[in-house]
Amino acid sequence: MNVSTVAPTTTIPTTTSLPIEPATPEQAIEVLSEISTPEEAQAAIEAIATNIDTLTGEQLDEIAQVVSQAPTEVKREFEEQVNIFGGGLDSYVPADSNVTVGQRRALVAIGAVLAAAPVLASRRK
């Protein structure tokens, strides 16, 4: 008797990670803290950018902390869509920077005062 042996076929389950469309800022923060794909990060950043004017100071601070720890690509996308100097993100550390937005804002203000000081002094004479 000739018995042919057929090897069982093994099916490897495939999962496609569909981009998560966060509906709320809280969900967007959750997605950003557990980023697994660039699409998920982009969707979360878009949700934050859309709702930026309605976020509380606490939410903005949490977003700043989470995005500060994110990969550079995520930071760059965030900076393209959100005005990081618009207020509320003072604890955010931008890509390729070592100082926070708040520290940078203070340095710019100090620089402006120092630059104007010689002009003011020469007018008094």
PDB file of N, CA and C in Angstrom:
ATOM      1  N   MET A   1       0.831  -1.146   0.000  1.00  0.00           N
ATOM      2  CA  MET A   1       0.000   0.000   0.000  1.00  0.00           C
ATOM      3  C   MET A   1       0.896   1.237   0.000  1.00  0.00           C
ATOM      4  N   ASN A   2       0.598   2.152  -0.886  1.00  0.00           N
ATOM      5  CA  ASN A   2       1.376   3.371  -1.014  1.00  0.00           C
ATOM      6  C   ASN A   2       0.604   4.509  -0.348  1.00  0.00           C
ATOM      7  N   VAL A   3       1.119   4.921   0.767  1.00  0.00           N
ATOM      8  CA  VAL A   3       0.473   5.998   1.493  1.00  0.00           C
ATOM      9  C   VAL A   3       1.330   7.250   1.333  1.00  0.00           C
ATOM     10  N   SER A   4       0.725   8.234   0.806  1.00  0.00           N
ATOM     11  CA  SER A   4       1.483   9.486   0.686  1.00  0.00           C
ATOM     12  C   SER A   4       1.199  10.330   1.912  1.00  0.00           C
ATOM     13  N   THR A   5       2.228  10.904   2.386  1.00  0.00           N
ATOM     14  CA  THR A   5       2.101  11.719   3.576  1.00  0.00           C
ATOM     15  C   THR A   5       2.033  13.180   3.167  1.00  0.00           C
ATOM     16  N   VAL A   6       1.020  13.804   3.635  1.00  0.00           N
ATOM     17  CA  VAL A   6       0.858  15.221   3.359  1.00  0.00           C
ATOM     18  C   VAL A   6       1.174  15.981   4.641  1.00  0.00           C
ATOM     19  N   ALA A   7       2.119  16.849   4.513  1.00  0.00           N
ATOM     20  CA  ALA A   7       2.492  17.641   5.683  1.00  0.00           C
ATOM     21  C   ALA A   7       1.385  18.647   5.951  1.00  0.00           C
ATOM     22  N   PRO A   8       1.038  18.772   7.203  1.00  0.00           N
ATOM     23  CA  PRO A   8       0.007  19.774   7.511  1.00  0.00           C
ATOM     24  C   PRO A   8       0.532  21.172   7.199  1.00  0.00           C
ATOM     25  N   THR A   9      -0.337  21.955   6.695  1.00  0.00           N
ATOM     26  CA  THR A   9       0.079  23.330   6.393  1.00  0.00           C
ATOM     27  C   THR A   9      -0.030  24.165   7.651  1.00  0.00           C
ATOM     28  N   THR A  10       0.947  24.947   7.833  1.00  0.00           N
ATOM     29  CA  THR A  10       0.966  25.820   8.993  1.00  0.00           C
ATOM     30  C   THR A  10       0.662  27.232   8.523  1.00  0.00           C
ATOM     31  N   THR A  11      -0.338  27.806   9.106  1.00  0.00           N
ATOM     32  CA  THR A  11      -0.694  29.169   8.771  1.00  0.00           C
ATOM     33  C   THR A  11      -0.202  30.078   9.875  1.00  0.00           C
ATOM     34  N   ILE A  12       0.586  31.020   9.476  1.00  0.00           N
ATOM     35  CA  ILE A  12       1.095  31.986  10.441  1.00  0.00           C
ATOM     36  C   ILE A  12       0.085  33.117  10.492  1.00  0.00           C
ATOM     37  N   PRO A  13      -0.429  33.360  11.672  1.00  0.00           N
ATOM     38  CA  PRO A  13      -1.405  34.449  11.762  1.00  0.00           C
ATOM     39  C   PRO A  13      -0.741  35.788  11.467  1.00  0.00           C
ATOM     40  N   THR A  14      -1.411  36.560  10.675  1.00  0.00           N
ATOM     41  CA  THR A  14      -0.893  37.883  10.372  1.00  0.00           C
ATOM     42  C   THR A  14      -1.817  38.907  10.987  1.00  0.00           C
ATOM     43  N   THR A  15      -1.203  39.886  11.569  1.00  0.00           N
ATOM     44  CA  THR A  15      -1.995  40.974  12.125  1.00  0.00           C
ATOM     45  C   THR A  15      -1.530  42.254  11.484  1.00  0.00           C
ATOM     46  N   THR A  16      -2.455  43.010  11.093  1.00  0.00           N
ATOM     47  CA  THR A  16      -2.101  44.314  10.573  1.00  0.00           C
ATOM     48  C   THR A  16      -2.448  45.332  11.631  1.00  0.00           C
ATOM     49  N   SER A  17      -1.492  46.144  11.901  1.00  0.00           N
ATOM     50  CA  SER A  17      -1.698  47.173  12.903  1.00  0.00           C
ATOM     51  C   SER A  17      -2.286  48.389  12.207  1.00  0.00           C
ATOM     52  N   LEU A  18      -3.555  48.578  12.375  1.00  0.00           N
ATOM     53  CA  LEU A  18      -4.201  49.731  11.791  1.00  0.00           C
ATOM     54  C   LEU A  18      -3.925  50.941  12.658  1.00  0.00           C
ATOM     55  N   PRO A  19      -3.711  52.061  12.037  1.00  0.00           N
ATOM     56  CA  PRO A  19      -3.459  53.251  12.853  1.00  0.00           C
ATOM     57  C   PRO A  19      -4.635  53.517  13.789  1.00  0.00           C
ATOM     58  N   ILE A  20      -4.301  53.787  15.005  1.00  0.00           N
ATOM     59  CA  ILE A  20      -5.325  54.103  15.991  1.00  0.00           C
ATOM     60  C   ILE A  20      -5.719  55.554  15.784  1.00  0.00           C
ATOM     61  N   GLU A  21      -6.988  55.791  15.714  1.00  0.00           N
ATOM     62  CA  GLU A  21      -7.476  57.161  15.577  1.00  0.00           C
ATOM     63  C   GLU A  21      -7.967  57.621  16.943  1.00  0.00           C
ATOM     64  N   PRO A  22      -7.109  58.250  17.725  1.00  0.00           N
ATOM     65  CA  PRO A  22      -7.529  58.679  19.054  1.00  0.00           C
ATOM     66  C   PRO A  22      -8.659  59.704  18.958  1.00  0.00           C
ATOM     67  N   ALA A  23      -9.684  59.478  19.733  1.00  0.00           N
ATOM     68  CA  ALA A  23     -10.836  60.380  19.722  1.00  0.00           C
ATOM     69  C   ALA A  23     -10.685  61.507  20.733  1.00  0.00           C
ATOM     70  N   THR A  24      -9.907  61.269  21.773  1.00  0.00           N
ATOM     71  CA  THR A  24      -9.766  62.267  22.827  1.00  0.00           C
ATOM     72  C   THR A  24      -8.280  62.544  23.064  1.00  0.00           C
ATOM     73  N   PRO A  25      -7.983  63.686  23.659  1.00  0.00           N
ATOM     74  CA  PRO A  25      -6.579  63.967  23.999  1.00  0.00           C
ATOM     75  C   PRO A  25      -5.982  62.908  24.925  1.00  0.00           C
ATOM     76  N   GLU A  26      -6.795  62.383  25.831  1.00  0.00           N
ATOM     77  CA  GLU A  26      -6.293  61.352  26.744  1.00  0.00           C
ATOM     78  C   GLU A  26      -5.853  60.118  25.967  1.00  0.00           C
ATOM     79  N   GLN A  27      -6.648  59.728  24.967  1.00  0.00           N
ATOM     80  CA  GLN A  27      -6.282  58.579  24.140  1.00  0.00           C
ATOM     81  C   GLN A  27      -5.027  58.886  23.328  1.00  0.00           C
ATOM     82  N   ALA A  28      -4.904  60.118  22.850  1.00  0.00           N
ATOM     83  CA  ALA A  28      -3.723  60.511  22.090  1.00  0.00           C
ATOM     84  C   ALA A  28      -2.469  60.434  22.956  1.00  0.00           C
ATOM     85  N   ILE A  29      -2.578  60.874  24.200  1.00  0.00           N
ATOM     86  CA  ILE A  29      -1.448  60.793  25.124  1.00  0.00           C
ATOM     87  C   ILE A  29      -1.069  59.337  25.348  1.00  0.00           C
ATOM     88  N   GLU A  30      -2.071  58.481  25.529  1.00  0.00           N
ATOM     89  CA  GLU A  30      -1.836  57.046  25.719  1.00  0.00           C
ATOM     90  C   GLU A  30      -1.103  56.453  24.521  1.00  0.00           C
ATOM     91  N   VAL A  31      -1.547  56.806  23.313  1.00  0.00           N
ATOM     92  CA  VAL A  31      -0.914  56.291  22.097  1.00  0.00           C
ATOM     93  C   VAL A  31       0.529  56.780  22.011  1.00  0.00           C
ATOM     94  N   LEU A  32       0.759  58.051  22.308  1.00  0.00           N
ATOM     95  CA  LEU A  32       2.119  58.592  22.235  1.00  0.00           C
ATOM     96  C   LEU A  32       3.048  57.954  23.256  1.00  0.00           C
ATOM     97  N   SER A  33       2.507  57.565  24.391  1.00  0.00           N
ATOM     98  CA  SER A  33       3.370  56.955  25.408  1.00  0.00           C
ATOM     99  C   SER A  33       3.696  55.506  25.081  1.00  0.00           C
ATOM    100  N   GLU A  34       2.954  54.913  24.167  1.00  0.00           N
ATOM    101  CA  GLU A  34       3.193  53.514  23.779  1.00  0.00           C
ATOM    102  C   GLU A  34       3.279  53.387  22.263  1.00  0.00           C
ATOM    103  N   ILE A  35       4.040  54.245  21.635  1.00  0.00           N
ATOM    104  CA  ILE A  35       4.119  54.286  20.177  1.00  0.00           C
ATOM    105  C   ILE A  35       4.678  52.985  19.632  1.00  0.00           C
ATOM    106  N   SER A  36       3.965  52.451  18.643  1.00  0.00           N
ATOM    107  CA  SER A  36       4.501  51.273  17.986  1.00  0.00           C
ATOM    108  C   SER A  36       4.681  51.492  16.487  1.00  0.00           C
ATOM    109  N   THR A  37       3.966  52.407  15.888  1.00  0.00           N
ATOM    110  CA  THR A  37       4.144  52.689  14.462  1.00  0.00           C
ATOM    111  C   THR A  37       4.116  54.198  14.232  1.00  0.00           C
ATOM    112  N   PRO A  38       4.755  54.639  13.160  1.00  0.00           N
ATOM    113  CA  PRO A  38       4.706  56.069  12.830  1.00  0.00           C
ATOM    114  C   PRO A  38       3.279  56.544  12.543  1.00  0.00           C
ATOM    115  N   GLU A  39       2.460  55.668  11.979  1.00  0.00           N
ATOM    116  CA  GLU A  39       1.076  56.034  11.682  1.00  0.00           C
ATOM    117  C   GLU A  39       0.293  56.323  12.953  1.00  0.00           C
ATOM    118  N   GLU A  40       0.515  55.519  13.980  1.00  0.00           N
ATOM    119  CA  GLU A  40      -0.164  55.747  15.255  1.00  0.00           C
ATOM    120  C   GLU A  40       0.281  57.066  15.861  1.00  0.00           C
ATOM    121  N   ALA A  41       1.581  57.346  15.802  1.00  0.00           N
ATOM    122  CA  ALA A  41       2.097  58.607  16.341  1.00  0.00           C
ATOM    123  C   ALA A  41       1.504  59.781  15.589  1.00  0.00           C
ATOM    124  N   GLN A  42       1.443  59.688  14.269  1.00  0.00           N
ATOM    125  CA  GLN A  42       0.904  60.781  13.468  1.00  0.00           C
ATOM    126  C   GLN A  42      -0.569  61.024  13.797  1.00  0.00           C
ATOM    127  N   ALA A  43      -1.345  59.955  13.935  1.00  0.00           N
ATOM    128  CA  ALA A  43      -2.767  60.104  14.273  1.00  0.00           C
ATOM    129  C   ALA A  43      -2.932  60.754  15.645  1.00  0.00           C
ATOM    130  N   ALA A  44      -2.095  60.355  16.592  1.00  0.00           N
ATOM    131  CA  ALA A  44      -2.173  60.927  17.943  1.00  0.00           C
ATOM    132  C   ALA A  44      -1.795  62.407  17.928  1.00  0.00           C
ATOM    133  N   ILE A  45      -0.760  62.747  17.185  1.00  0.00           N
ATOM    134  CA  ILE A  45      -0.320  64.146  17.107  1.00  0.00           C
ATOM    135  C   ILE A  45      -1.392  64.992  16.439  1.00  0.00           C
ATOM    136  N   GLU A  46      -2.021  64.449  15.402  1.00  0.00           N
ATOM    137  CA  GLU A  46      -3.103  65.191  14.741  1.00  0.00           C
ATOM    138  C   GLU A  46      -4.258  65.445  15.706  1.00  0.00           C
ATOM    139  N   ALA A  47      -4.585  64.455  16.537  1.00  0.00           N
ATOM    140  CA  ALA A  47      -5.659  64.623  17.518  1.00  0.00           C
ATOM    141  C   ALA A  47      -5.291  65.702  18.537  1.00  0.00           C
ATOM    142  N   ILE A  48      -4.036  65.727  18.938  1.00  0.00           N
ATOM    143  CA  ILE A  48      -3.582  66.745  19.889  1.00  0.00           C
ATOM    144  C   ILE A  48      -3.605  68.123  19.229  1.00  0.00           C
ATOM    145  N   ALA A  49      -3.095  68.226  18.000  1.00  0.00           N
ATOM    146  CA  ALA A  49      -3.051  69.511  17.300  1.00  0.00           C
ATOM    147  C   ALA A  49      -4.459  70.068  17.094  1.00  0.00           C
ATOM    148  N   THR A  50      -5.406  69.192  16.813  1.00  0.00           N
ATOM    149  CA  THR A  50      -6.788  69.613  16.601  1.00  0.00           C
ATOM    150  C   THR A  50      -7.406  70.162  17.880  1.00  0.00           C
ATOM    151  N   ASN A  51      -7.035  69.586  19.019  1.00  0.00           N
ATOM    152  CA  ASN A  51      -7.636  69.949  20.303  1.00  0.00           C
ATOM    153  C   ASN A  51      -6.738  70.805  21.184  1.00  0.00           C
ATOM    154  N   ILE A  52      -5.647  71.326  20.657  1.00  0.00           N
ATOM    155  CA  ILE A  52      -4.645  72.002  21.486  1.00  0.00           C
ATOM    156  C   ILE A  52      -5.227  73.163  22.290  1.00  0.00           C
ATOM    157  N   ASP A  53      -6.204  73.870  21.727  1.00  0.00           N
ATOM    158  CA  ASP A  53      -6.774  75.027  22.428  1.00  0.00           C
ATOM    159  C   ASP A  53      -7.699  74.641  23.574  1.00  0.00           C
ATOM    160  N   THR A  54      -8.119  73.392  23.620  1.00  0.00           N
ATOM    161  CA  THR A  54      -9.056  72.959  24.666  1.00  0.00           C
ATOM    162  C   THR A  54      -8.375  72.146  25.766  1.00  0.00           C
ATOM    163  N   LEU A  55      -7.080  71.915  25.641  1.00  0.00           N
ATOM    164  CA  LEU A  55      -6.373  71.089  26.614  1.00  0.00           C
ATOM    165  C   LEU A  55      -6.055  71.879  27.872  1.00  0.00           C
ATOM    166  N   THR A  56      -6.078  71.193  28.991  1.00  0.00           N
ATOM    167  CA  THR A  56      -5.735  71.817  30.267  1.00  0.00           C
ATOM    168  C   THR A  56      -4.218  71.919  30.398  1.00  0.00           C
ATOM    169  N   GLY A  57      -3.775  72.716  31.333  1.00  0.00           N
ATOM    170  CA  GLY A  57      -2.349  72.832  31.605  1.00  0.00           C
ATOM    171  C   GLY A  57      -1.736  71.506  31.993  1.00  0.00           C
ATOM    172  N   GLU A  58      -2.479  70.722  32.757  1.00  0.00           N
ATOM    173  CA  GLU A  58      -1.996  69.400  33.176  1.00  0.00           C
ATOM    174  C   GLU A  58      -1.839  68.471  31.970  1.00  0.00           C
ATOM    175  N   GLN A  59      -2.795  68.505  31.051  1.00  0.00           N
ATOM    176  CA  GLN A  59      -2.707  67.673  29.850  1.00  0.00           C
ATOM    177  C   GLN A  59      -1.539  68.104  28.972  1.00  0.00           C
ATOM    178  N   LEU A  60      -1.352  69.422  28.824  1.00  0.00           N
ATOM    179  CA  LEU A  60      -0.240  69.920  28.024  1.00  0.00           C
ATOM    180  C   LEU A  60       1.102  69.525  28.629  1.00  0.00           C
ATOM    181  N   ASP A  61       1.187  69.578  29.955  1.00  0.00           N
ATOM    182  CA  ASP A  61       2.427  69.178  30.620  1.00  0.00           C
ATOM    183  C   ASP A  61       2.691  67.689  30.414  1.00  0.00           C
ATOM    184  N   GLU A  62       1.645  66.880  30.491  1.00  0.00           N
ATOM    185  CA  GLU A  62       1.809  65.436  30.270  1.00  0.00           C
ATOM    186  C   GLU A  62       2.232  65.155  28.831  1.00  0.00           C
ATOM    187  N   ILE A  63       1.649  65.867  27.877  1.00  0.00           N
ATOM    188  CA  ILE A  63       2.028  65.715  26.477  1.00  0.00           C
ATOM    189  C   ILE A  63       3.493  66.109  26.296  1.00  0.00           C
ATOM    190  N   ALA A  64       3.893  67.220  26.899  1.00  0.00           N
ATOM    191  CA  ALA A  64       5.286  67.679  26.796  1.00  0.00           C
ATOM    192  C   ALA A  64       6.246  66.627  27.325  1.00  0.00           C
ATOM    193  N   GLN A  65       5.912  66.022  28.449  1.00  0.00           N
ATOM    194  CA  GLN A  65       6.779  65.001  29.044  1.00  0.00           C
ATOM    195  C   GLN A  65       6.868  63.762  28.155  1.00  0.00           C
ATOM    196  N   VAL A  66       5.725  63.321  27.632  1.00  0.00           N
ATOM    197  CA  VAL A  66       5.692  62.108  26.803  1.00  0.00           C
ATOM    198  C   VAL A  66       6.441  62.334  25.497  1.00  0.00           C
ATOM    199  N   VAL A  67       6.170  63.450  24.827  1.00  0.00           N
ATOM    200  CA  VAL A  67       6.808  63.703  23.535  1.00  0.00           C
ATOM    201  C   VAL A  67       8.294  64.001  23.711  1.00  0.00           C
ATOM    202  N   SER A  68       8.693  64.578  24.824  1.00  0.00           N
ATOM    203  CA  SER A  68      10.114  64.823  25.074  1.00  0.00           C
ATOM    204  C   SER A  68      10.905  63.523  25.109  1.00  0.00           C
ATOM    205  N   GLN A  69      10.265  62.444  25.508  1.00  0.00           N
ATOM    206  CA  GLN A  69      10.926  61.143  25.585  1.00  0.00           C
ATOM    207  C   GLN A  69      10.784  60.330  24.295  1.00  0.00           C
ATOM    208  N   ALA A  70      10.031  60.837  23.334  1.00  0.00           N
ATOM    209  CA  ALA A  70       9.757  60.116  22.088  1.00  0.00           C
ATOM    210  C   ALA A  70      10.960  60.167  21.147  1.00  0.00           C
ATOM    211  N   PRO A  71      10.979  59.279  20.156  1.00  0.00           N
ATOM    212  CA  PRO A  71      12.054  59.322  19.144  1.00  0.00           C
ATOM    213  C   PRO A  71      12.036  60.654  18.376  1.00  0.00           C
ATOM    214  N   THR A  72      13.167  60.991  17.790  1.00  0.00           N
ATOM    215  CA  THR A  72      13.322  62.260  17.082  1.00  0.00           C
ATOM    216  C   THR A  72      12.284  62.438  15.975  1.00  0.00           C
ATOM    217  N   GLU A  73      11.962  61.364  15.255  1.00  0.00           N
ATOM    218  CA  GLU A  73      10.982  61.469  14.166  1.00  0.00           C
ATOM    219  C   GLU A  73       9.629  61.919  14.697  1.00  0.00           C
ATOM    220  N   VAL A  74       9.252  61.401  15.850  1.00  0.00           N
ATOM    221  CA  VAL A  74       7.975  61.772  16.460  1.00  0.00           C
ATOM    222  C   VAL A  74       8.026  63.225  16.907  1.00  0.00           C
ATOM    223  N   LYS A  75       9.139  63.632  17.495  1.00  0.00           N
ATOM    224  CA  LYS A  75       9.296  65.018  17.929  1.00  0.00           C
ATOM    225  C   LYS A  75       9.167  65.972  16.742  1.00  0.00           C
ATOM    226  N   ARG A  76       9.811  65.631  15.642  1.00  0.00           N
ATOM    227  CA  ARG A  76       9.759  66.497  14.465  1.00  0.00           C
ATOM    228  C   ARG A  76       8.327  66.617  13.930  1.00  0.00           C
ATOM    229  N   GLU A  77       7.610  65.507  13.882  1.00  0.00           N
ATOM    230  CA  GLU A  77       6.212  65.534  13.439  1.00  0.00           C
ATOM    231  C   GLU A  77       5.377  66.397  14.375  1.00  0.00           C
ATOM    232  N   PHE A  78       5.597  66.256  15.665  1.00  0.00           N
ATOM    233  CA  PHE A  78       4.885  67.041  16.671  1.00  0.00           C
ATOM    234  C   PHE A  78       5.160  68.530  16.463  1.00  0.00           C
ATOM    235  N   GLU A  79       6.419  68.883  16.256  1.00  0.00           N
ATOM    236  CA  GLU A  79       6.806  70.275  16.085  1.00  0.00           C
ATOM    237  C   GLU A  79       6.266  70.879  14.786  1.00  0.00           C
ATOM    238  N   GLU A  80       6.064  70.039  13.760  1.00  0.00           N
ATOM    239  CA  GLU A  80       5.480  70.524  12.510  1.00  0.00           C
ATOM    240  C   GLU A  80       4.001  70.854  12.676  1.00  0.00           C
ATOM    241  N   GLN A  81       3.303  70.111  13.517  1.00  0.00           N
ATOM    242  CA  GLN A  81       1.859  70.271  13.631  1.00  0.00           C
ATOM    243  C   GLN A  81       1.415  71.147  14.798  1.00  0.00           C
ATOM    244  N   VAL A  82       2.269  71.298  15.796  1.00  0.00           N
ATOM    245  CA  VAL A  82       1.890  72.039  17.002  1.00  0.00           C
ATOM    246  C   VAL A  82       2.868  73.195  17.210  1.00  0.00           C
ATOM    247  N   ASN A  83       2.332  74.367  17.503  1.00  0.00           N
ATOM    248  CA  ASN A  83       3.180  75.512  17.825  1.00  0.00           C
ATOM    249  C   ASN A  83       3.682  75.322  19.253  1.00  0.00           C
ATOM    250  N   ILE A  84       4.895  74.833  19.379  1.00  0.00           N
ATOM    251  CA  ILE A  84       5.422  74.514  20.708  1.00  0.00           C
ATOM    252  C   ILE A  84       5.689  75.756  21.541  1.00  0.00           C
ATOM    253  N   PHE A  85       5.762  76.927  20.904  1.00  0.00           N
ATOM    254  CA  PHE A  85       6.000  78.166  21.632  1.00  0.00           C
ATOM    255  C   PHE A  85       4.698  78.915  21.909  1.00  0.00           C
ATOM    256  N   GLY A  86       3.569  78.291  21.598  1.00  0.00           N
ATOM    257  CA  GLY A  86       2.274  78.941  21.779  1.00  0.00           C
ATOM    258  C   GLY A  86       1.809  78.999  23.216  1.00  0.00           C
ATOM    259  N   GLY A  87       2.494  78.331  24.098  1.00  0.00           N
ATOM    260  CA  GLY A  87       2.124  78.347  25.514  1.00  0.00           C
ATOM    261  C   GLY A  87       1.663  76.981  25.988  1.00  0.00           C
ATOM    262  N   GLY A  88       1.988  76.673  27.205  1.00  0.00           N
ATOM    263  CA  GLY A  88       1.557  75.433  27.823  1.00  0.00           C
ATOM    264  C   GLY A  88       2.511  74.266  27.660  1.00  0.00           C
ATOM    265  N   LEU A  89       3.475  74.386  26.774  1.00  0.00           N
ATOM    266  CA  LEU A  89       4.411  73.285  26.542  1.00  0.00           C
ATOM    267  C   LEU A  89       5.816  73.665  27.012  1.00  0.00           C
ATOM    268  N   ASP A  90       5.893  74.444  28.084  1.00  0.00           N
ATOM    269  CA  ASP A  90       7.185  74.941  28.571  1.00  0.00           C
ATOM    270  C   ASP A  90       8.144  73.833  28.996  1.00  0.00           C
ATOM    271  N   SER A  91       7.641  72.668  29.376  1.00  0.00           N
ATOM    272  CA  SER A  91       8.536  71.594  29.808  1.00  0.00           C
ATOM    273  C   SER A  91       8.940  70.663  28.663  1.00  0.00           C
ATOM    274  N   TYR A  92       8.514  70.980  27.440  1.00  0.00           N
ATOM    275  CA  TYR A  92       8.871  70.167  26.271  1.00  0.00           C
ATOM    276  C   TYR A  92      10.297  70.471  25.828  1.00  0.00           C
ATOM    277  N   VAL A  93      11.063  69.418  25.541  1.00  0.00           N
ATOM    278  CA  VAL A  93      12.427  69.558  25.025  1.00  0.00           C
ATOM    279  C   VAL A  93      12.376  69.219  23.535  1.00  0.00           C
ATOM    280  N   PRO A  94      12.537  70.220  22.660  1.00  0.00           N
ATOM    281  CA  PRO A  94      12.450  69.982  21.220  1.00  0.00           C
ATOM    282  C   PRO A  94      13.550  69.057  20.705  1.00  0.00           C
ATOM    283  N   ALA A  95      13.337  68.564  19.483  1.00  0.00           N
ATOM    284  CA  ALA A  95      14.342  67.722  18.832  1.00  0.00           C
ATOM    285  C   ALA A  95      15.635  68.512  18.699  1.00  0.00           C
ATOM    286  N   ASP A  96      16.750  67.839  18.859  1.00  0.00           N
ATOM    287  CA  ASP A  96      18.084  68.432  18.738  1.00  0.00           C
ATOM    288  C   ASP A  96      18.314  69.589  19.704  1.00  0.00           C
ATOM    289  N   SER A  97      17.715  69.519  20.873  1.00  0.00           N
ATOM    290  CA  SER A  97      17.880  70.563  21.875  1.00  0.00           C
ATOM    291  C   SER A  97      18.100  69.934  23.243  1.00  0.00           C
ATOM    292  N   ASN A  98      18.722  70.690  24.106  1.00  0.00           N
ATOM    293  CA  ASN A  98      18.930  70.233  25.473  1.00  0.00           C
ATOM    294  C   ASN A  98      18.172  71.079  26.480  1.00  0.00           C
ATOM    295  N   VAL A  99      17.533  72.133  26.010  1.00  0.00           N
ATOM    296  CA  VAL A  99      16.796  73.014  26.903  1.00  0.00           C
ATOM    297  C   VAL A  99      15.311  72.948  26.583  1.00  0.00           C
ATOM    298  N   THR A 100      14.506  73.197  27.583  1.00  0.00           N
ATOM    299  CA  THR A 100      13.060  73.161  27.399  1.00  0.00           C
ATOM    300  C   THR A 100      12.585  74.420  26.668  1.00  0.00           C
ATOM    301  N   VAL A 101      11.366  74.378  26.225  1.00  0.00           N
ATOM    302  CA  VAL A 101      10.758  75.539  25.557  1.00  0.00           C
ATOM    303  C   VAL A 101      10.733  76.733  26.510  1.00  0.00           C
ATOM    304  N   GLY A 102      10.406  76.501  27.763  1.00  0.00           N
ATOM    305  CA  GLY A 102      10.365  77.587  28.751  1.00  0.00           C
ATOM    306  C   GLY A 102      11.733  78.215  28.958  1.00  0.00           C
ATOM    307  N   GLN A 103      12.765  77.396  29.039  1.00  0.00           N
ATOM    308  CA  GLN A 103      14.122  77.919  29.196  1.00  0.00           C
ATOM    309  C   GLN A 103      14.545  78.707  27.958  1.00  0.00           C
ATOM    310  N   ARG A 104      14.180  78.204  26.792  1.00  0.00           N
ATOM    311  CA  ARG A 104      14.527  78.898  25.558  1.00  0.00           C
ATOM    312  C   ARG A 104      13.813  80.252  25.491  1.00  0.00           C
ATOM    313  N   ARG A 105      12.550  80.262  25.885  1.00  0.00           N
ATOM    314  CA  ARG A 105      11.785  81.510  25.886  1.00  0.00           C
ATOM    315  C   ARG A 105      12.458  82.533  26.811  1.00  0.00           C
ATOM    316  N   ALA A 106      12.914  82.084  27.977  1.00  0.00           N
ATOM    317  CA  ALA A 106      13.586  82.984  28.925  1.00  0.00           C
ATOM    318  C   ALA A 106      14.907  83.491  28.349  1.00  0.00           C
ATOM    319  N   LEU A 107      15.660  82.624  27.689  1.00  0.00           N
ATOM    320  CA  LEU A 107      16.930  83.035  27.091  1.00  0.00           C
ATOM    321  C   LEU A 107      16.723  84.074  25.997  1.00  0.00           C
ATOM    322  N   VAL A 108      15.687  83.893  25.201  1.00  0.00           N
ATOM    323  CA  VAL A 108      15.388  84.856  24.142  1.00  0.00           C
ATOM    324  C   VAL A 108      15.013  86.205  24.756  1.00  0.00           C
ATOM    325  N   ALA A 109      14.215  86.197  25.810  1.00  0.00           N
ATOM    326  CA  ALA A 109      13.821  87.447  26.468  1.00  0.00           C
ATOM    327  C   ALA A 109      15.032  88.156  27.062  1.00  0.00           C
ATOM    328  N   ILE A 110      15.904  87.403  27.708  1.00  0.00           N
ATOM    329  CA  ILE A 110      17.116  87.990  28.288  1.00  0.00           C
ATOM    330  C   ILE A 110      18.006  88.564  27.187  1.00  0.00           C
ATOM    331  N   GLY A 111      18.130  87.824  26.095  1.00  0.00           N
ATOM    332  CA  GLY A 111      18.935  88.302  24.966  1.00  0.00           C
ATOM    333  C   GLY A 111      18.387  89.591  24.379  1.00  0.00           C
ATOM    334  N   ALA A 112      17.054  89.691  24.291  1.00  0.00           N
ATOM    335  CA  ALA A 112      16.439  90.910  23.759  1.00  0.00           C
ATOM    336  C   ALA A 112      16.710  92.097  24.666  1.00  0.00           C
ATOM    337  N   VAL A 113      16.636  91.883  25.968  1.00  0.00           N
ATOM    338  CA  VAL A 113      16.906  92.965  26.924  1.00  0.00           C
ATOM    339  C   VAL A 113      18.370  93.391  26.835  1.00  0.00           C
ATOM    340  N   LEU A 114      19.263  92.423  26.768  1.00  0.00           N
ATOM    341  CA  LEU A 114      20.690  92.752  26.687  1.00  0.00           C
ATOM    342  C   LEU A 114      21.031  93.452  25.378  1.00  0.00           C
ATOM    343  N   ALA A 115      20.369  93.063  24.310  1.00  0.00           N
ATOM    344  CA  ALA A 115      20.626  93.704  23.016  1.00  0.00           C
ATOM    345  C   ALA A 115      20.120  95.140  23.006  1.00  0.00           C
ATOM    346  N   ALA A 116      19.030  95.399  23.708  1.00  0.00           N
ATOM    347  CA  ALA A 116      18.462  96.747  23.739  1.00  0.00           C
ATOM    348  C   ALA A 116      19.168  97.645  24.747  1.00  0.00           C
ATOM    349  N   ALA A 117      19.862  97.083  25.706  1.00  0.00           N
ATOM    350  CA  ALA A 117      20.501  97.862  26.767  1.00  0.00           C
ATOM    351  C   ALA A 117      21.486  98.898  26.228  1.00  0.00           C
ATOM    352  N   PRO A 118      22.388  98.588  25.309  1.00  0.00           N
ATOM    353  CA  PRO A 118      23.323  99.611  24.818  1.00  0.00           C
ATOM    354  C   PRO A 118      22.602 100.756  24.105  1.00  0.00           C
ATOM    355  N   VAL A 119      21.527 100.482  23.428  1.00  0.00           N
ATOM    356  CA  VAL A 119      20.776 101.532  22.737  1.00  0.00           C
ATOM    357  C   VAL A 119      20.164 102.483  23.756  1.00  0.00           C
ATOM    358  N   LEU A 120      19.587 101.928  24.798  1.00  0.00           N
ATOM    359  CA  LEU A 120      18.984 102.759  25.834  1.00  0.00           C
ATOM    360  C   LEU A 120      20.047 103.576  26.559  1.00  0.00           C
ATOM    361  N   ALA A 121      21.202 103.014  26.837  1.00  0.00           N
ATOM    362  CA  ALA A 121      22.256 103.723  27.542  1.00  0.00           C
ATOM    363  C   ALA A 121      22.803 104.872  26.709  1.00  0.00           C
ATOM    364  N   SER A 122      22.930 104.698  25.405  1.00  0.00           N
ATOM    365  CA  SER A 122      23.496 105.761  24.560  1.00  0.00           C
ATOM    366  C   SER A 122      22.495 106.914  24.373  1.00  0.00           C
ATOM    367  N   ARG A 123      21.229 106.675  24.494  1.00  0.00           N
ATOM    368  CA  ARG A 123      20.225 107.730  24.359  1.00  0.00           C
ATOM    369  C   ARG A 123      20.201 108.641  25.576  1.00  0.00           C
ATOM    370  N   ARG A 124      20.600 108.143  26.719  1.00  0.00           N
ATOM    371  CA  ARG A 124      20.565 108.933  27.958  1.00  0.00           C
ATOM    372  C   ARG A 124      21.676 109.969  28.023  1.00  0.00           C
ATOM    373  N   LYS A 125      22.686 109.839  27.270  1.00  0.00           N
ATOM    374  CA  LYS A 125      23.846 110.763  27.336  1.00  0.00           C
ATOM    375  C   LYS A 125      23.554 112.080  26.733  1.00  0.00           C
TER     376      LYS A 125
END
